[in-house]
Each structure stands twice: as structure tokens, then as C-alpha cells.
């Protein structure tokens, strides 16, 4: 991998052409949130592994070749979906401390020299997929 490419243990989906990167420790429900978003029309980028590559001033999220199109559904098995690539617009951090109302200026996380908006996110609160879509609308980078 080049210095402008990173492989992260995370999940990612594309919503309306923009990628949401879902980070968190093992068992934090990354795949469950990805599946709920896919059920609402999102497209899989990667589950439990995402390749991030810098292209100019943006980051492109794509599936690692060895697990492209694979999504684990706990208690069901591994299913096959058609993966996509998309520019990264938002990071949802399932390990961060969640505020009821986030600050107006959202925190960022640097990835390959690009500052990406990062929002602590609670998957146990009601309607996590719907809230994730709204987080992308409100806090995500424009394409």
C-alpha cells in the first residue's frame, strides 16, 4: 500500500454517493448499523475492513479485495452484496462519548492528511440508521 492508502478495521456504506465510515471496537455493532443502513437503501463499501485512499483533497473508501462484497450478519452468516466505492464524508465513532446535542463545530479525525468530520454515535438509541442518515446530512462533507 502506498503512503496515501490505509486499510482500517471498520465498516463503511455509501448513502446517496457519500461514504459513512463506522469505527469502533469489536462487538460495537458496526456491522449491525451497516446492515440497517443497507436496509434503508445504502450500499456496502466494506464490512470489518475498508481501504481508504487519498485523491487530492478527499478520501475514497473502497472494499479490500479479499472481503469485497461480504457482510457478516451475526447469527445468520456471511452474505454477498455488490460493493461500491465512494468519497468519505463522515466518520461515526461507536466508541466515543456521545452528547445529546453535539457542538456546532464537530470534531475531526485526520486520515492520510485530510481532516474528516467525526461524530460519536450511539447505536443503542432508537432509529440508529435514520439518525446516521441525518448525521450525514447535517455533519457530512458535501461531494
Protein backbone atom coordinates (compact mmCIF):
# COMPACT_ATOMS: atom_id res chain seq x y z
CA UNK A 1 0.00 0.00 0.00
CA UNK A 2 1.21 3.49 -0.81
CA UNK A 3 1.62 6.16 1.83
CA UNK A 4 -1.66 7.67 0.60
CA UNK A 5 -3.60 4.44 1.25
CA UNK A 6 -4.73 2.92 4.56
CA UNK A 7 -6.57 -0.25 5.47
CA UNK A 8 -8.78 0.20 8.54
CA UNK A 9 -10.71 -2.33 10.59
CA UNK A 10 -14.06 -0.58 10.23
CA UNK A 11 -17.26 -0.80 8.21
CA UNK A 12 -18.48 1.62 5.56
CA UNK A 13 -21.55 2.21 3.46
CA UNK A 14 -22.44 4.71 0.75
CA UNK A 15 -25.56 6.83 1.22
CA UNK A 16 -26.51 8.87 -1.84
CA UNK A 17 -22.95 8.59 -3.16
CA UNK A 18 -21.16 9.63 0.06
CA UNK A 19 -19.39 7.24 2.43
CA UNK A 20 -20.03 6.86 6.13
CA UNK A 21 -17.12 5.17 7.90
CA UNK A 22 -18.26 3.29 11.02
CA UNK A 23 -15.49 2.80 13.58
CA UNK A 24 -15.48 1.06 16.94
CA UNK A 25 -14.09 -1.81 18.94
CA UNK A 26 -15.04 -5.42 18.06
CA UNK A 27 -18.64 -6.09 19.04
CA UNK A 28 -19.66 -2.41 18.97
CA UNK A 29 -22.37 -3.12 16.33
CA UNK A 30 -20.57 -1.70 13.28
CA UNK A 31 -21.96 -4.44 11.02
CA UNK A 32 -25.45 -4.08 12.52
CA UNK A 33 -25.50 -0.36 11.76
CA UNK A 34 -24.19 -1.02 8.24
CA UNK A 35 -26.93 -3.64 7.69
CA UNK A 36 -29.64 -1.28 8.98
CA UNK A 37 -28.41 1.43 6.60
CA UNK A 38 -28.33 -1.06 3.70
CA UNK A 39 -31.93 -1.99 4.54
CA UNK A 40 -32.76 1.71 4.02
CA UNK A 41 -31.03 1.84 0.61
CA UNK A 42 -27.34 2.36 1.40
CA UNK A 43 -24.72 0.37 -0.50
CA UNK A 44 -21.98 -1.71 1.10
CA UNK A 45 -18.41 -0.48 0.78
CA UNK A 46 -16.77 -2.78 3.31
CA UNK A 47 -17.56 -4.73 6.46
CA UNK A 48 -14.81 -5.19 9.04
CA UNK A 49 -12.29 -3.77 6.57
CA UNK A 50 -12.18 -0.63 4.44
CA UNK A 51 -9.46 0.69 2.15
CA UNK A 52 -9.05 4.48 2.26
CA UNK A 53 -7.07 6.23 -0.46
CA UNK A 54 -6.31 9.91 -0.74
CA UNK A 55 -7.18 11.50 -4.08
CA UNK A 56 -6.32 15.19 -3.96
CA UNK A 57 -8.20 16.75 -1.05
CA UNK A 58 -10.62 13.86 -0.50
CA UNK A 59 -10.55 10.27 0.70
CA UNK A 60 -12.09 7.45 -1.35
CA UNK A 61 -13.45 4.48 0.62
CA UNK A 62 -13.38 1.10 -1.15
CA UNK A 63 -13.60 -2.57 -0.20
CA UNK A 64 -10.42 -4.56 0.42
CA UNK A 65 -10.17 -7.19 -2.35
CA UNK A 66 -10.13 -10.21 -0.02
CA UNK A 67 -13.52 -9.36 1.57
CA UNK A 68 -15.18 -7.28 -1.15
CA UNK A 69 -18.94 -7.69 -1.04
CA UNK A 70 -19.01 -9.74 2.17
CA UNK A 71 -21.17 -8.67 5.12
CA UNK A 72 -21.45 -10.61 8.36
CA UNK A 73 -24.91 -10.89 9.85
CA UNK A 74 -24.41 -12.16 13.38
CA UNK A 75 -26.31 -15.40 13.96
CA UNK A 76 -27.10 -15.75 10.23
CA UNK A 77 -23.78 -15.92 8.41
CA UNK A 78 -21.87 -14.05 5.73
CA UNK A 79 -23.86 -12.70 2.82
CA UNK A 80 -22.74 -11.42 -0.58
CA UNK A 81 -23.59 -7.90 -1.77
CA UNK A 82 -22.31 -5.75 -4.61
CA UNK A 83 -19.73 -3.36 -3.11
CA UNK A 84 -19.14 0.23 -4.24
CA UNK A 85 -16.54 2.99 -3.78
CA UNK A 86 -17.45 6.47 -2.52
CA UNK A 87 -15.81 9.63 -1.19
CA UNK A 88 -15.63 9.66 2.59
CA UNK A 89 -17.97 12.27 4.08
CA UNK A 90 -18.39 11.32 7.76
CA UNK A 91 -16.98 9.08 10.47
CA UNK A 92 -19.36 7.65 13.06
CA UNK A 93 -17.34 6.64 16.14
CA UNK A 94 -19.18 3.96 18.13
CA UNK A 95 -16.60 4.20 20.96
CA UNK A 96 -16.78 7.96 21.52
CA UNK A 97 -18.59 9.76 24.31
CA UNK A 98 -22.00 10.73 22.92
CA UNK A 99 -23.58 14.11 23.65
CA UNK A 100 -27.32 14.63 23.43
CA UNK A 101 -26.65 17.66 21.22
CA UNK A 102 -23.20 17.74 19.58
CA UNK A 103 -21.28 21.01 19.44
CA UNK A 104 -21.85 23.25 16.42
CA UNK A 105 -18.24 22.69 15.38
CA UNK A 106 -17.88 18.95 15.07
CA UNK A 107 -14.64 17.19 15.96
CA UNK A 108 -12.43 15.81 13.21
CA UNK A 109 -10.16 12.83 12.74
CA UNK A 110 -7.15 13.05 10.45
CA UNK A 111 -6.90 10.32 7.84
CA UNK A 112 -3.99 10.39 5.40
CA UNK A 113 -3.60 14.13 5.89
CA UNK A 114 -7.30 15.01 5.48
CA UNK A 115 -9.45 16.21 8.38
CA UNK A 116 -12.71 14.26 8.35
CA UNK A 117 -15.78 15.15 10.43
CA UNK A 118 -16.17 12.62 13.24
CA UNK A 119 -19.30 12.18 15.36
CA UNK A 120 -19.55 9.95 18.45
CA UNK A 121 -22.60 7.75 17.79
CA UNK A 122 -24.80 5.54 19.97
CA UNK A 123 -26.30 2.54 18.17
CA UNK A 124 -28.45 1.61 21.18
CA UNK A 125 -30.59 4.75 20.92
CA UNK A 126 -33.78 4.48 18.82
CA UNK A 127 -33.62 4.50 15.00
CA UNK A 128 -29.82 4.29 14.55
CA UNK A 129 -29.93 4.04 10.73
CA UNK A 130 -32.25 7.02 10.38
CA UNK A 131 -30.10 9.03 12.81
CA UNK A 132 -26.96 8.06 10.85
CA UNK A 133 -28.54 9.34 7.63
CA UNK A 134 -29.39 12.62 9.36
CA UNK A 135 -25.86 12.83 10.78
CA UNK A 136 -24.55 12.58 7.22
CA UNK A 137 -26.93 15.33 6.01
CA UNK A 138 -26.11 17.66 8.91
CA UNK A 139 -22.42 16.96 9.53
CA UNK A 140 -21.03 15.20 6.44
CA UNK A 141 -18.81 16.71 3.80
CA UNK A 142 -20.50 17.66 0.52
CA UNK A 143 -19.44 15.63 -2.51
